[in-house]
Amino acid sequence: MCIFCKIVNNEIPSNKVLENDDFLAFHDLNPKAPAHILAIPKQHFDSFNDVTPEVMGKMTSFIQEIAKEVGIDKSGYRVITNIGENGGQEVKHLHWHVLGGTKLKWGHFSDSDTKGSF
């Protein structure tokens, strides 16, 4: 069982922000912005490649609720999901990073290998 499934099952504590029957949102342990929330479906999907359109539709409104709950809906925020090793995915459970609370920079690609093949 992955770490996020353990959080969903209350086997590992989290600092919850929002929860409903399908999704859970909690503060990231290593925040990259003043507001850095992880949003996960309670159902396990390895990555975005595995999720259904129905779940994505529900996730959209859940992430919008998170932004309102933490007060970043008006000032702006960023939503990121990493997919696979090259995409930077560290936990193999679909999740979104919801970041805000400051003017966000776009410098995280500085260490990327732009000469790699795809």
PDB file of N, CA and C in Angstrom:
ATOM      1  N   MET A   1       0.851  -1.185   0.000  1.00  0.00           N
ATOM      2  CA  MET A   1       0.000   0.000   0.000  1.00  0.00           C
ATOM      3  C   MET A   1       0.893   1.244   0.000  1.00  0.00           C
ATOM      4  N   CYS A   2       0.584   2.222  -0.848  1.00  0.00           N
ATOM      5  CA  CYS A   2       1.406   3.426  -0.954  1.00  0.00           C
ATOM      6  C   CYS A   2       1.143   4.375   0.218  1.00  0.00           C
ATOM      7  N   ILE A   3       2.034   5.341   0.375  1.00  0.00           N
ATOM      8  CA  ILE A   3       1.945   6.278   1.493  1.00  0.00           C
ATOM      9  C   ILE A   3       0.646   7.097   1.450  1.00  0.00           C
ATOM     10  N   PHE A   4       0.174   7.471   0.263  1.00  0.00           N
ATOM     11  CA  PHE A   4      -1.054   8.254   0.185  1.00  0.00           C
ATOM     12  C   PHE A   4      -2.278   7.402   0.516  1.00  0.00           C
ATOM     13  N   CYS A   5      -2.254   6.134   0.151  1.00  0.00           N
ATOM     14  CA  CYS A   5      -3.350   5.239   0.541  1.00  0.00           C
ATOM     15  C   CYS A   5      -3.381   5.083   2.059  1.00  0.00           C
ATOM     16  N   LYS A   6      -2.218   5.055   2.686  1.00  0.00           N
ATOM     17  CA  LYS A   6      -2.152   4.977   4.149  1.00  0.00           C
ATOM     18  C   LYS A   6      -2.702   6.244   4.786  1.00  0.00           C
ATOM     19  N   ILE A   7      -2.456   7.384   4.165  1.00  0.00           N
ATOM     20  CA  ILE A   7      -3.028   8.640   4.667  1.00  0.00           C
ATOM     21  C   ILE A   7      -4.547   8.606   4.533  1.00  0.00           C
ATOM     22  N   VAL A   8      -5.046   8.146   3.389  1.00  0.00           N
ATOM     23  CA  VAL A   8      -6.496   8.034   3.183  1.00  0.00           C
ATOM     24  C   VAL A   8      -7.119   7.124   4.246  1.00  0.00           C
ATOM     25  N   ASN A   9      -6.423   6.031   4.595  1.00  0.00           N
ATOM     26  CA  ASN A   9      -6.933   5.061   5.579  1.00  0.00           C
ATOM     27  C   ASN A   9      -6.634   5.462   7.021  1.00  0.00           C
ATOM     28  N   ASN A  10      -6.143   6.692   7.222  1.00  0.00           N
ATOM     29  CA  ASN A  10      -5.810   7.206   8.554  1.00  0.00           C
ATOM     30  C   ASN A  10      -4.754   6.371   9.278  1.00  0.00           C
ATOM     31  N   GLU A  11      -3.901   5.689   8.526  1.00  0.00           N
ATOM     32  CA  GLU A  11      -2.792   4.948   9.121  1.00  0.00           C
ATOM     33  C   GLU A  11      -1.595   5.876   9.344  1.00  0.00           C
ATOM     34  N   ILE A  12      -1.540   6.954   8.589  1.00  0.00           N
ATOM     35  CA  ILE A  12      -0.514   7.985   8.729  1.00  0.00           C
ATOM     36  C   ILE A  12      -1.255   9.315   8.872  1.00  0.00           C
ATOM     37  N   PRO A  13      -0.884  10.123   9.873  1.00  0.00           N
ATOM     38  CA  PRO A  13      -1.585  11.406  10.039  1.00  0.00           C
ATOM     39  C   PRO A  13      -1.214  12.402   8.946  1.00  0.00           C
ATOM     40  N   SER A  14      -2.113  13.344   8.698  1.00  0.00           N
ATOM     41  CA  SER A  14      -1.862  14.434   7.758  1.00  0.00           C
ATOM     42  C   SER A  14      -2.541  15.687   8.286  1.00  0.00           C
ATOM     43  N   ASN A  15      -2.089  16.806   7.812  1.00  0.00           N
ATOM     44  CA  ASN A  15      -2.684  18.093   8.168  1.00  0.00           C
ATOM     45  C   ASN A  15      -3.732  18.410   7.103  1.00  0.00           C
ATOM     46  N   LYS A  16      -4.944  17.902   7.326  1.00  0.00           N
ATOM     47  CA  LYS A  16      -6.010  17.994   6.321  1.00  0.00           C
ATOM     48  C   LYS A  16      -6.492  19.414   6.119  1.00  0.00           C
ATOM     49  N   VAL A  17      -6.795  19.709   4.866  1.00  0.00           N
ATOM     50  CA  VAL A  17      -7.368  20.985   4.475  1.00  0.00           C
ATOM     51  C   VAL A  17      -8.834  20.808   4.103  1.00  0.00           C
ATOM     52  N   LEU A  18      -9.117  19.745   3.349  1.00  0.00           N
ATOM     53  CA  LEU A  18     -10.461  19.509   2.837  1.00  0.00           C
ATOM     54  C   LEU A  18     -10.611  18.023   2.538  1.00  0.00           C
ATOM     55  N   GLU A  19     -11.822  17.510   2.719  1.00  0.00           N
ATOM     56  CA  GLU A  19     -12.074  16.099   2.435  1.00  0.00           C
ATOM     57  C   GLU A  19     -13.532  15.923   2.061  1.00  0.00           C
ATOM     58  N   ASN A  20     -13.771  15.020   1.119  1.00  0.00           N
ATOM     59  CA  ASN A  20     -15.126  14.578   0.815  1.00  0.00           C
ATOM     60  C   ASN A  20     -15.082  13.074   0.574  1.00  0.00           C
ATOM     61  N   ASP A  21     -16.141  12.506   0.037  1.00  0.00           N
ATOM     62  CA  ASP A  21     -16.187  11.050  -0.159  1.00  0.00           C
ATOM     63  C   ASP A  21     -15.145  10.545  -1.148  1.00  0.00           C
ATOM     64  N   ASP A  22     -14.748  11.376  -2.104  1.00  0.00           N
ATOM     65  CA  ASP A  22     -13.867  10.932  -3.178  1.00  0.00           C
ATOM     66  C   ASP A  22     -12.425  11.435  -3.094  1.00  0.00           C
ATOM     67  N   PHE A  23     -12.198  12.559  -2.396  1.00  0.00           N
ATOM     68  CA  PHE A  23     -10.897  13.214  -2.433  1.00  0.00           C
ATOM     69  C   PHE A  23     -10.448  13.677  -1.059  1.00  0.00           C
ATOM     70  N   LEU A  24      -9.146  13.888  -0.946  1.00  0.00           N
ATOM     71  CA  LEU A  24      -8.544  14.381   0.280  1.00  0.00           C
ATOM     72  C   LEU A  24      -7.488  15.417  -0.093  1.00  0.00           C
ATOM     73  N   ALA A  25      -7.422  16.489   0.674  1.00  0.00           N
ATOM     74  CA  ALA A  25      -6.399  17.518   0.482  1.00  0.00           C
ATOM     75  C   ALA A  25      -5.708  17.759   1.812  1.00  0.00           C
ATOM     76  N   PHE A  26      -4.373  17.858   1.758  1.00  0.00           N
ATOM     77  CA  PHE A  26      -3.595  18.077   2.973  1.00  0.00           C
ATOM     78  C   PHE A  26      -2.335  18.864   2.635  1.00  0.00           C
ATOM     79  N   HIS A  27      -1.763  19.497   3.661  1.00  0.00           N
ATOM     80  CA  HIS A  27      -0.562  20.301   3.476  1.00  0.00           C
ATOM     81  C   HIS A  27       0.628  19.409   3.132  1.00  0.00           C
ATOM     82  N   ASP A  28       1.436  19.868   2.164  1.00  0.00           N
ATOM     83  CA  ASP A  28       2.668  19.171   1.794  1.00  0.00           C
ATOM     84  C   ASP A  28       3.670  19.317   2.938  1.00  0.00           C
ATOM     85  N   LEU A  29       4.404  18.245   3.241  1.00  0.00           N
ATOM     86  CA  LEU A  29       5.401  18.275   4.312  1.00  0.00           C
ATOM     87  C   LEU A  29       6.640  19.086   3.932  1.00  0.00           C
ATOM     88  N   ASN A  30       6.857  19.301   2.634  1.00  0.00           N
ATOM     89  CA  ASN A  30       8.011  20.056   2.155  1.00  0.00           C
ATOM     90  C   ASN A  30       7.513  21.166   1.227  1.00  0.00           C
ATOM     91  N   PRO A  31       6.869  22.201   1.795  1.00  0.00           N
ATOM     92  CA  PRO A  31       6.206  23.209   0.957  1.00  0.00           C
ATOM     93  C   PRO A  31       7.170  24.020   0.107  1.00  0.00           C
ATOM     94  N   LYS A  32       6.727  24.309  -1.114  1.00  0.00           N
ATOM     95  CA  LYS A  32       7.482  25.130  -2.063  1.00  0.00           C
ATOM     96  C   LYS A  32       6.867  26.515  -2.213  1.00  0.00           C
ATOM     97  N   ALA A  33       5.801  26.785  -1.481  1.00  0.00           N
ATOM     98  CA  ALA A  33       5.114  28.082  -1.496  1.00  0.00           C
ATOM     99  C   ALA A  33       4.386  28.218  -0.161  1.00  0.00           C
ATOM    100  N   PRO A  34       3.967  29.435   0.212  1.00  0.00           N
ATOM    101  CA  PRO A  34       3.234  29.597   1.466  1.00  0.00           C
ATOM    102  C   PRO A  34       1.998  28.682   1.559  1.00  0.00           C
ATOM    103  N   ALA A  35       1.307  28.525   0.457  1.00  0.00           N
ATOM    104  CA  ALA A  35       0.224  27.531   0.380  1.00  0.00           C
ATOM    105  C   ALA A  35       0.709  26.428  -0.555  1.00  0.00           C
ATOM    106  N   HIS A  36       0.867  25.219  -0.032  1.00  0.00           N
ATOM    107  CA  HIS A  36       1.260  24.068  -0.849  1.00  0.00           C
ATOM    108  C   HIS A  36       0.458  22.882  -0.351  1.00  0.00           C
ATOM    109  N   ILE A  37      -0.616  22.608  -1.069  1.00  0.00           N
ATOM    110  CA  ILE A  37      -1.573  21.580  -0.704  1.00  0.00           C
ATOM    111  C   ILE A  37      -1.472  20.432  -1.703  1.00  0.00           C
ATOM    112  N   LEU A  38      -1.538  19.209  -1.208  1.00  0.00           N
ATOM    113  CA  LEU A  38      -1.624  18.036  -2.077  1.00  0.00           C
ATOM    114  C   LEU A  38      -3.078  17.601  -2.128  1.00  0.00           C
ATOM    115  N   ALA A  39      -3.585  17.388  -3.329  1.00  0.00           N
ATOM    116  CA  ALA A  39      -4.959  16.921  -3.543  1.00  0.00           C
ATOM    117  C   ALA A  39      -4.886  15.541  -4.175  1.00  0.00           C
ATOM    118  N   ILE A  40      -5.542  14.562  -3.545  1.00  0.00           N
ATOM    119  CA  ILE A  40      -5.473  13.192  -4.044  1.00  0.00           C
ATOM    120  C   ILE A  40      -6.864  12.582  -4.136  1.00  0.00           C
ATOM    121  N   PRO A  41      -7.075  11.715  -5.123  1.00  0.00           N
ATOM    122  CA  PRO A  41      -8.294  10.909  -5.091  1.00  0.00           C
ATOM    123  C   PRO A  41      -8.110   9.820  -4.032  1.00  0.00           C
ATOM    124  N   LYS A  42      -9.169   9.465  -3.352  1.00  0.00           N
ATOM    125  CA  LYS A  42      -9.076   8.390  -2.363  1.00  0.00           C
ATOM    126  C   LYS A  42      -8.880   7.042  -3.049  1.00  0.00           C
ATOM    127  N   GLN A  43      -9.414   6.915  -4.232  1.00  0.00           N
ATOM    128  CA  GLN A  43      -9.184   5.705  -5.031  1.00  0.00           C
ATOM    129  C   GLN A  43      -7.776   5.767  -5.591  1.00  0.00           C
ATOM    130  N   HIS A  44      -7.054   4.673  -5.562  1.00  0.00           N
ATOM    131  CA  HIS A  44      -5.675   4.664  -6.041  1.00  0.00           C
ATOM    132  C   HIS A  44      -5.615   4.609  -7.568  1.00  0.00           C
ATOM    133  N   PHE A  45      -4.922   5.576  -8.128  1.00  0.00           N
ATOM    134  CA  PHE A  45      -4.507   5.588  -9.530  1.00  0.00           C
ATOM    135  C   PHE A  45      -3.011   5.844  -9.490  1.00  0.00           C
ATOM    136  N   ASP A  46      -2.222   5.103 -10.236  1.00  0.00           N
ATOM    137  CA  ASP A  46      -0.775   5.311 -10.226  1.00  0.00           C
ATOM    138  C   ASP A  46      -0.402   6.710 -10.690  1.00  0.00           C
ATOM    139  N   SER A  47      -1.056   7.198 -11.741  1.00  0.00           N
ATOM    140  CA  SER A  47      -0.713   8.524 -12.276  1.00  0.00           C
ATOM    141  C   SER A  47      -1.880   9.054 -13.109  1.00  0.00           C
ATOM    142  N   PHE A  48      -1.672  10.230 -13.653  1.00  0.00           N
ATOM    143  CA  PHE A  48      -2.652  10.864 -14.531  1.00  0.00           C
ATOM    144  C   PHE A  48      -2.984   9.978 -15.726  1.00  0.00           C
ATOM    145  N   ASN A  49      -2.037   9.161 -16.173  1.00  0.00           N
ATOM    146  CA  ASN A  49      -2.274   8.265 -17.303  1.00  0.00           C
ATOM    147  C   ASN A  49      -3.359   7.236 -17.023  1.00  0.00           C
ATOM    148  N   ASP A  50      -3.671   7.001 -15.773  1.00  0.00           N
ATOM    149  CA  ASP A  50      -4.620   5.950 -15.393  1.00  0.00           C
ATOM    150  C   ASP A  50      -5.988   6.466 -14.956  1.00  0.00           C
ATOM    151  N   VAL A  51      -6.129   7.752 -14.765  1.00  0.00           N
ATOM    152  CA  VAL A  51      -7.361   8.309 -14.213  1.00  0.00           C
ATOM    153  C   VAL A  51      -8.456   8.385 -15.275  1.00  0.00           C
ATOM    154  N   THR A  52      -9.700   8.300 -14.838  1.00  0.00           N
ATOM    155  CA  THR A  52     -10.841   8.392 -15.753  1.00  0.00           C
ATOM    156  C   THR A  52     -11.305   9.844 -15.900  1.00  0.00           C
ATOM    157  N   PRO A  53     -11.937  10.160 -17.010  1.00  0.00           N
ATOM    158  CA  PRO A  53     -12.479  11.519 -17.185  1.00  0.00           C
ATOM    159  C   PRO A  53     -13.496  11.883 -16.093  1.00  0.00           C
ATOM    160  N   GLU A  54     -14.243  10.913 -15.601  1.00  0.00           N
ATOM    161  CA  GLU A  54     -15.234  11.190 -14.550  1.00  0.00           C
ATOM    162  C   GLU A  54     -14.551  11.671 -13.272  1.00  0.00           C
ATOM    163  N   VAL A  55     -13.469  11.007 -12.898  1.00  0.00           N
ATOM    164  CA  VAL A  55     -12.733  11.419 -11.699  1.00  0.00           C
ATOM    165  C   VAL A  55     -12.125  12.804 -11.909  1.00  0.00           C
ATOM    166  N   MET A  56     -11.578  13.052 -13.090  1.00  0.00           N
ATOM    167  CA  MET A  56     -10.988  14.360 -13.377  1.00  0.00           C
ATOM    168  C   MET A  56     -12.033  15.470 -13.283  1.00  0.00           C
ATOM    169  N   GLY A  57     -13.224  15.205 -13.753  1.00  0.00           N
ATOM    170  CA  GLY A  57     -14.286  16.201 -13.667  1.00  0.00           C
ATOM    171  C   GLY A  57     -14.583  16.582 -12.225  1.00  0.00           C
ATOM    172  N   LYS A  58     -14.647  15.590 -11.367  1.00  0.00           N
ATOM    173  CA  LYS A  58     -14.893  15.853  -9.943  1.00  0.00           C
ATOM    174  C   LYS A  58     -13.685  16.521  -9.289  1.00  0.00           C
ATOM    175  N   MET A  59     -12.489  16.140  -9.719  1.00  0.00           N
ATOM    176  CA  MET A  59     -11.280  16.719  -9.132  1.00  0.00           C
ATOM    177  C   MET A  59     -11.196  18.215  -9.419  1.00  0.00           C
ATOM    178  N   THR A  60     -11.660  18.637 -10.581  1.00  0.00           N
ATOM    179  CA  THR A  60     -11.632  20.058 -10.931  1.00  0.00           C
ATOM    180  C   THR A  60     -12.348  20.889  -9.873  1.00  0.00           C
ATOM    181  N   SER A  61     -13.570  20.523  -9.529  1.00  0.00           N
ATOM    182  CA  SER A  61     -14.313  21.310  -8.540  1.00  0.00           C
ATOM    183  C   SER A  61     -13.703  21.175  -7.149  1.00  0.00           C
ATOM    184  N   PHE A  62     -13.107  20.023  -6.831  1.00  0.00           N
ATOM    185  CA  PHE A  62     -12.451  19.843  -5.539  1.00  0.00           C
ATOM    186  C   PHE A  62     -11.256  20.787  -5.405  1.00  0.00           C
ATOM    187  N   ILE A  63     -10.438  20.886  -6.444  1.00  0.00           N
ATOM    188  CA  ILE A  63      -9.277  21.788  -6.403  1.00  0.00           C
ATOM    189  C   ILE A  63      -9.744  23.239  -6.295  1.00  0.00           C
ATOM    190  N   GLN A  64     -10.830  23.595  -6.971  1.00  0.00           N
ATOM    191  CA  GLN A  64     -11.368  24.946  -6.846  1.00  0.00           C
ATOM    192  C   GLN A  64     -11.819  25.223  -5.405  1.00  0.00           C
ATOM    193  N   GLU A  65     -12.389  24.221  -4.755  1.00  0.00           N
ATOM    194  CA  GLU A  65     -12.779  24.354  -3.337  1.00  0.00           C
ATOM    195  C   GLU A  65     -11.558  24.551  -2.444  1.00  0.00           C
ATOM    196  N   ILE A  66     -10.488  23.822  -2.736  1.00  0.00           N
ATOM    197  CA  ILE A  66      -9.252  23.972  -1.956  1.00  0.00           C
ATOM    198  C   ILE A  66      -8.763  25.411  -2.049  1.00  0.00           C
ATOM    199  N   ALA A  67      -8.712  25.944  -3.264  1.00  0.00           N
ATOM    200  CA  ALA A  67      -8.232  27.318  -3.465  1.00  0.00           C
ATOM    201  C   ALA A  67      -9.056  28.310  -2.654  1.00  0.00           C
ATOM    202  N   LYS A  68     -10.360  28.126  -2.616  1.00  0.00           N
ATOM    203  CA  LYS A  68     -11.221  29.001  -1.808  1.00  0.00           C
ATOM    204  C   LYS A  68     -10.954  28.803  -0.323  1.00  0.00           C
ATOM    205  N   GLU A  69     -10.824  27.561   0.092  1.00  0.00           N
ATOM    206  CA  GLU A  69     -10.610  27.229   1.508  1.00  0.00           C
ATOM    207  C   GLU A  69      -9.343  27.874   2.065  1.00  0.00           C
ATOM    208  N   VAL A  70      -8.264  27.889   1.285  1.00  0.00           N
ATOM    209  CA  VAL A  70      -6.997  28.457   1.769  1.00  0.00           C
ATOM    210  C   VAL A  70      -6.805  29.913   1.343  1.00  0.00           C
ATOM    211  N   GLY A  71      -7.788  30.470   0.628  1.00  0.00           N
ATOM    212  CA  GLY A  71      -7.783  31.901   0.310  1.00  0.00           C
ATOM    213  C   GLY A  71      -6.861  32.321  -0.816  1.00  0.00           C
ATOM    214  N   ILE A  72      -6.652  31.423  -1.790  1.00  0.00           N
ATOM    215  CA  ILE A  72      -5.796  31.786  -2.935  1.00  0.00           C
ATOM    216  C   ILE A  72      -6.582  31.854  -4.246  1.00  0.00           C
ATOM    217  N   ASP A  73      -7.889  31.675  -4.169  1.00  0.00           N
ATOM    218  CA  ASP A  73      -8.708  31.638  -5.387  1.00  0.00           C
ATOM    219  C   ASP A  73      -8.726  32.975  -6.116  1.00  0.00           C
ATOM    220  N   LYS A  74      -8.621  34.071  -5.418  1.00  0.00           N
ATOM    221  CA  LYS A  74      -8.665  35.391  -6.064  1.00  0.00           C
ATOM    222  C   LYS A  74      -7.273  35.859  -6.483  1.00  0.00           C
ATOM    223  N   SER A  75      -6.255  35.570  -5.687  1.00  0.00           N
ATOM    224  CA  SER A  75      -4.905  36.062  -5.982  1.00  0.00           C
ATOM    225  C   SER A  75      -4.178  35.224  -7.021  1.00  0.00           C
ATOM    226  N   GLY A  76      -4.577  33.979  -7.175  1.00  0.00           N
ATOM    227  CA  GLY A  76      -3.972  33.108  -8.173  1.00  0.00           C
ATOM    228  C   GLY A  76      -3.203  31.953  -7.553  1.00  0.00           C
ATOM    229  N   TYR A  77      -3.094  30.882  -8.314  1.00  0.00           N
ATOM    230  CA  TYR A  77      -2.417  29.687  -7.826  1.00  0.00           C
ATOM    231  C   TYR A  77      -2.019  28.819  -9.007  1.00  0.00           C
ATOM    232  N   ARG A  78      -1.202  27.816  -8.725  1.00  0.00           N
ATOM    233  CA  ARG A  78      -0.717  26.890  -9.748  1.00  0.00           C
ATOM    234  C   ARG A  78      -1.135  25.488  -9.347  1.00  0.00           C
ATOM    235  N   VAL A  79      -1.535  24.684 -10.341  1.00  0.00           N
ATOM    236  CA  VAL A  79      -1.907  23.285 -10.131  1.00  0.00           C
ATOM    237  C   VAL A  79      -0.983  22.427 -10.985  1.00  0.00           C
ATOM    238  N   ILE A  80      -0.291  21.492 -10.347  1.00  0.00           N
ATOM    239  CA  ILE A  80       0.699  20.660 -11.044  1.00  0.00           C
ATOM    240  C   ILE A  80       0.477  19.198 -10.692  1.00  0.00           C
ATOM    241  N   THR A  81       0.570  18.327 -11.687  1.00  0.00           N
ATOM    242  CA  THR A  81       0.689  16.902 -11.428  1.00  0.00           C
ATOM    243  C   THR A  81       1.885  16.392 -12.220  1.00  0.00           C
ATOM    244  N   ASN A  82       2.702  15.593 -11.579  1.00  0.00           N
ATOM    245  CA  ASN A  82       3.884  15.008 -12.212  1.00  0.00           C
ATOM    246  C   ASN A  82       3.556  13.583 -12.619  1.00  0.00           C
ATOM    247  N   ILE A  83       4.021  13.187 -13.803  1.00  0.00           N
ATOM    248  CA  ILE A  83       3.670  11.873 -14.350  1.00  0.00           C
ATOM    249  C   ILE A  83       4.943  11.130 -14.712  1.00  0.00           C
ATOM    250  N   GLY A  84       5.186  10.022 -14.060  1.00  0.00           N
ATOM    251  CA  GLY A  84       6.332   9.174 -14.367  1.00  0.00           C
ATOM    252  C   GLY A  84       7.652   9.741 -13.895  1.00  0.00           C
ATOM    253  N   GLU A  85       8.687   8.938 -14.059  1.00  0.00           N
ATOM    254  CA  GLU A  85      10.023   9.292 -13.582  1.00  0.00           C
ATOM    255  C   GLU A  85      10.542  10.581 -14.201  1.00  0.00           C
ATOM    256  N   ASN A  86      10.468  10.717 -15.521  1.00  0.00           N
ATOM    257  CA  ASN A  86      10.972  11.923 -16.174  1.00  0.00           C
ATOM    258  C   ASN A  86      10.124  13.149 -15.860  1.00  0.00           C
ATOM    259  N   GLY A  87       8.878  12.938 -15.473  1.00  0.00           N
ATOM    260  CA  GLY A  87       8.012  14.046 -15.097  1.00  0.00           C
ATOM    261  C   GLY A  87       8.184  14.469 -13.650  1.00  0.00           C
ATOM    262  N   GLY A  88       9.010  13.743 -12.900  1.00  0.00           N
ATOM    263  CA  GLY A  88       9.280  14.108 -11.516  1.00  0.00           C
ATOM    264  C   GLY A  88       8.347  13.487 -10.496  1.00  0.00           C
ATOM    265  N   GLN A  89       7.564  12.478 -10.897  1.00  0.00           N
ATOM    266  CA  GLN A  89       6.636  11.849  -9.960  1.00  0.00           C
ATOM    267  C   GLN A  89       7.416  11.027  -8.944  1.00  0.00           C
ATOM    268  N   GLU A  90       7.229  11.331  -7.652  1.00  0.00           N
ATOM    269  CA  GLU A  90       7.937  10.627  -6.587  1.00  0.00           C
ATOM    270  C   GLU A  90       7.048   9.608  -5.889  1.00  0.00           C
ATOM    271  N   VAL A  91       5.754   9.891  -5.793  1.00  0.00           N
ATOM    272  CA  VAL A  91       4.804   8.966  -5.165  1.00  0.00           C
ATOM    273  C   VAL A  91       3.887   8.442  -6.252  1.00  0.00           C
ATOM    274  N   LYS A  92       3.814   7.140  -6.401  1.00  0.00           N
ATOM    275  CA  LYS A  92       2.981   6.534  -7.450  1.00  0.00           C
ATOM    276  C   LYS A  92       1.534   6.420  -6.973  1.00  0.00           C
ATOM    277  N   HIS A  93       0.948   7.568  -6.728  1.00  0.00           N
ATOM    278  CA  HIS A  93      -0.478   7.733  -6.439  1.00  0.00           C
ATOM    279  C   HIS A  93      -0.803   9.106  -7.013  1.00  0.00           C
ATOM    280  N   LEU A  94      -1.735   9.151  -7.937  1.00  0.00           N
ATOM    281  CA  LEU A  94      -2.106  10.404  -8.577  1.00  0.00           C
ATOM    282  C   LEU A  94      -2.318  11.499  -7.540  1.00  0.00           C
ATOM    283  N   HIS A  95      -1.654  12.627  -7.737  1.00  0.00           N
ATOM    284  CA  HIS A  95      -1.843  13.760  -6.841  1.00  0.00           C
ATOM    285  C   HIS A  95      -1.526  15.054  -7.572  1.00  0.00           C
ATOM    286  N   TRP A  96      -2.123  16.118  -7.082  1.00  0.00           N
ATOM    287  CA  TRP A  96      -1.906  17.455  -7.613  1.00  0.00           C
ATOM    288  C   TRP A  96      -1.307  18.318  -6.520  1.00  0.00           C
ATOM    289  N   HIS A  97      -0.370  19.146  -6.912  1.00  0.00           N
ATOM    290  CA  HIS A  97       0.180  20.165  -6.030  1.00  0.00           C
ATOM    291  C   HIS A  97      -0.597  21.441  -6.318  1.00  0.00           C
ATOM    292  N   VAL A  98      -1.174  22.033  -5.296  1.00  0.00           N
ATOM    293  CA  VAL A  98      -1.874  23.307  -5.417  1.00  0.00           C
ATOM    294  C   VAL A  98      -1.024  24.318  -4.656  1.00  0.00           C
ATOM    295  N   LEU A  99      -0.406  25.236  -5.398  1.00  0.00           N
ATOM    296  CA  LEU A  99       0.539  26.181  -4.809  1.00  0.00           C
ATOM    297  C   LEU A  99       0.067  27.608  -4.983  1.00  0.00           C
ATOM    298  N   GLY A 100       0.266  28.422  -3.964  1.00  0.00           N
ATOM    299  CA  GLY A 100      -0.105  29.822  -4.047  1.00  0.00           C
ATOM    300  C   GLY A 100       0.327  30.576  -2.813  1.00  0.00           C
ATOM    301  N   GLY A 101      -0.224  31.759  -2.658  1.00  0.00           N
ATOM    302  CA  GLY A 101       0.079  32.585  -1.501  1.00  0.00           C
ATOM    303  C   GLY A 101       1.232  33.545  -1.728  1.00  0.00           C
ATOM    304  N   THR A 102       1.809  33.531  -2.914  1.00  0.00           N
ATOM    305  CA  THR A 102       2.890  34.437  -3.289  1.00  0.00           C
ATOM    306  C   THR A 102       2.986  34.471  -4.808  1.00  0.00           C
ATOM    307  N   LYS A 103       3.766  35.395  -5.330  1.00  0.00           N
ATOM    308  CA  LYS A 103       4.030  35.429  -6.770  1.00  0.00           C
ATOM    309  C   LYS A 103       4.950  34.252  -7.085  1.00  0.00           C
ATOM    310  N   LEU A 104       4.454  33.288  -7.833  1.00  0.00           N
ATOM    311  CA  LEU A 104       5.202  32.073  -8.116  1.00  0.00           C
ATOM    312  C   LEU A 104       6.150  32.277  -9.286  1.00  0.00           C
ATOM    313  N   LYS A 105       7.368  31.780  -9.121  1.00  0.00           N
ATOM    314  CA  LYS A 105       8.368  31.869 -10.185  1.00  0.00           C
ATOM    315  C   LYS A 105       8.308  30.613 -11.034  1.00  0.00           C
ATOM    316  N   TRP A 106       8.991  30.643 -12.152  1.00  0.00           N
ATOM    317  CA  TRP A 106       8.994  29.514 -13.080  1.00  0.00           C
ATOM    318  C   TRP A 106      10.434  29.076 -13.309  1.00  0.00           C
ATOM    319  N   GLY A 107      11.190  28.813 -12.255  1.00  0.00           N
ATOM    320  CA  GLY A 107      12.585  28.472 -12.392  1.00  0.00           C
ATOM    321  C   GLY A 107      12.903  27.012 -12.155  1.00  0.00           C
ATOM    322  N   HIS A 108      11.916  26.189 -11.968  1.00  0.00           N
ATOM    323  CA  HIS A 108      12.186  24.796 -11.607  1.00  0.00           C
ATOM    324  C   HIS A 108      12.648  23.941 -12.780  1.00  0.00           C
ATOM    325  N   PHE A 109      12.736  24.502 -13.983  1.00  0.00           N
ATOM    326  CA  PHE A 109      13.232  23.738 -15.126  1.00  0.00           C
ATOM    327  C   PHE A 109      14.737  23.960 -15.338  1.00  0.00           C
ATOM    328  N   SER A 110      15.361  24.716 -14.485  1.00  0.00           N
ATOM    329  CA  SER A 110      16.765  25.065 -14.692  1.00  0.00           C
ATOM    330  C   SER A 110      17.687  23.853 -14.691  1.00  0.00           C
ATOM    331  N   ASP A 111      17.275  22.769 -14.045  1.00  0.00           N
ATOM    332  CA  ASP A 111      18.125  21.570 -14.006  1.00  0.00           C
ATOM    333  C   ASP A 111      17.694  20.516 -15.019  1.00  0.00           C
ATOM    334  N   SER A 112      16.802  20.847 -15.902  1.00  0.00           N
ATOM    335  CA  SER A 112      16.311  19.879 -16.898  1.00  0.00           C
ATOM    336  C   SER A 112      17.330  19.648 -18.003  1.00  0.00           C
ATOM    337  N   ASP A 113      17.382  18.430 -18.505  1.00  0.00           N
ATOM    338  CA  ASP A 113      18.258  18.079 -19.627  1.00  0.00           C
ATOM    339  C   ASP A 113      17.483  18.355 -20.921  1.00  0.00           C
ATOM    340  N   THR A 114      17.763  19.462 -21.561  1.00  0.00           N
ATOM    341  CA  THR A 114      17.023  19.852 -22.768  1.00  0.00           C
ATOM    342  C   THR A 114      17.533  19.134 -24.000  1.00  0.00           C
ATOM    343  N   LYS A 115      18.583  18.350 -23.886  1.00  0.00           N
ATOM    344  CA  LYS A 115      19.146  17.639 -25.023  1.00  0.00           C
ATOM    345  C   LYS A 115      18.720  16.173 -25.057  1.00  0.00           C
ATOM    346  N   GLY A 116      17.925  15.747 -24.073  1.00  0.00           N
ATOM    347  CA  GLY A 116      17.475  14.365 -24.041  1.00  0.00           C
ATOM    348  C   GLY A 116      16.537  14.050 -25.197  1.00  0.00           C
ATOM    349  N   SER A 117      16.407  12.788 -25.520  1.00  0.00           N
ATOM    350  CA  SER A 117      15.502  12.401 -26.596  1.00  0.00           C
ATOM    351  C   SER A 117      14.161  11.991 -26.019  1.00  0.00           C
ATOM    352  N   PHE A 118      13.134  12.035 -26.845  1.00  0.00           N
ATOM    353  CA  PHE A 118      11.809  11.600 -26.416  1.00  0.00           C
ATOM    354  C   PHE A 118      11.140  10.820 -27.450  1.00  0.00           C
TER     355      PHE A 118
END
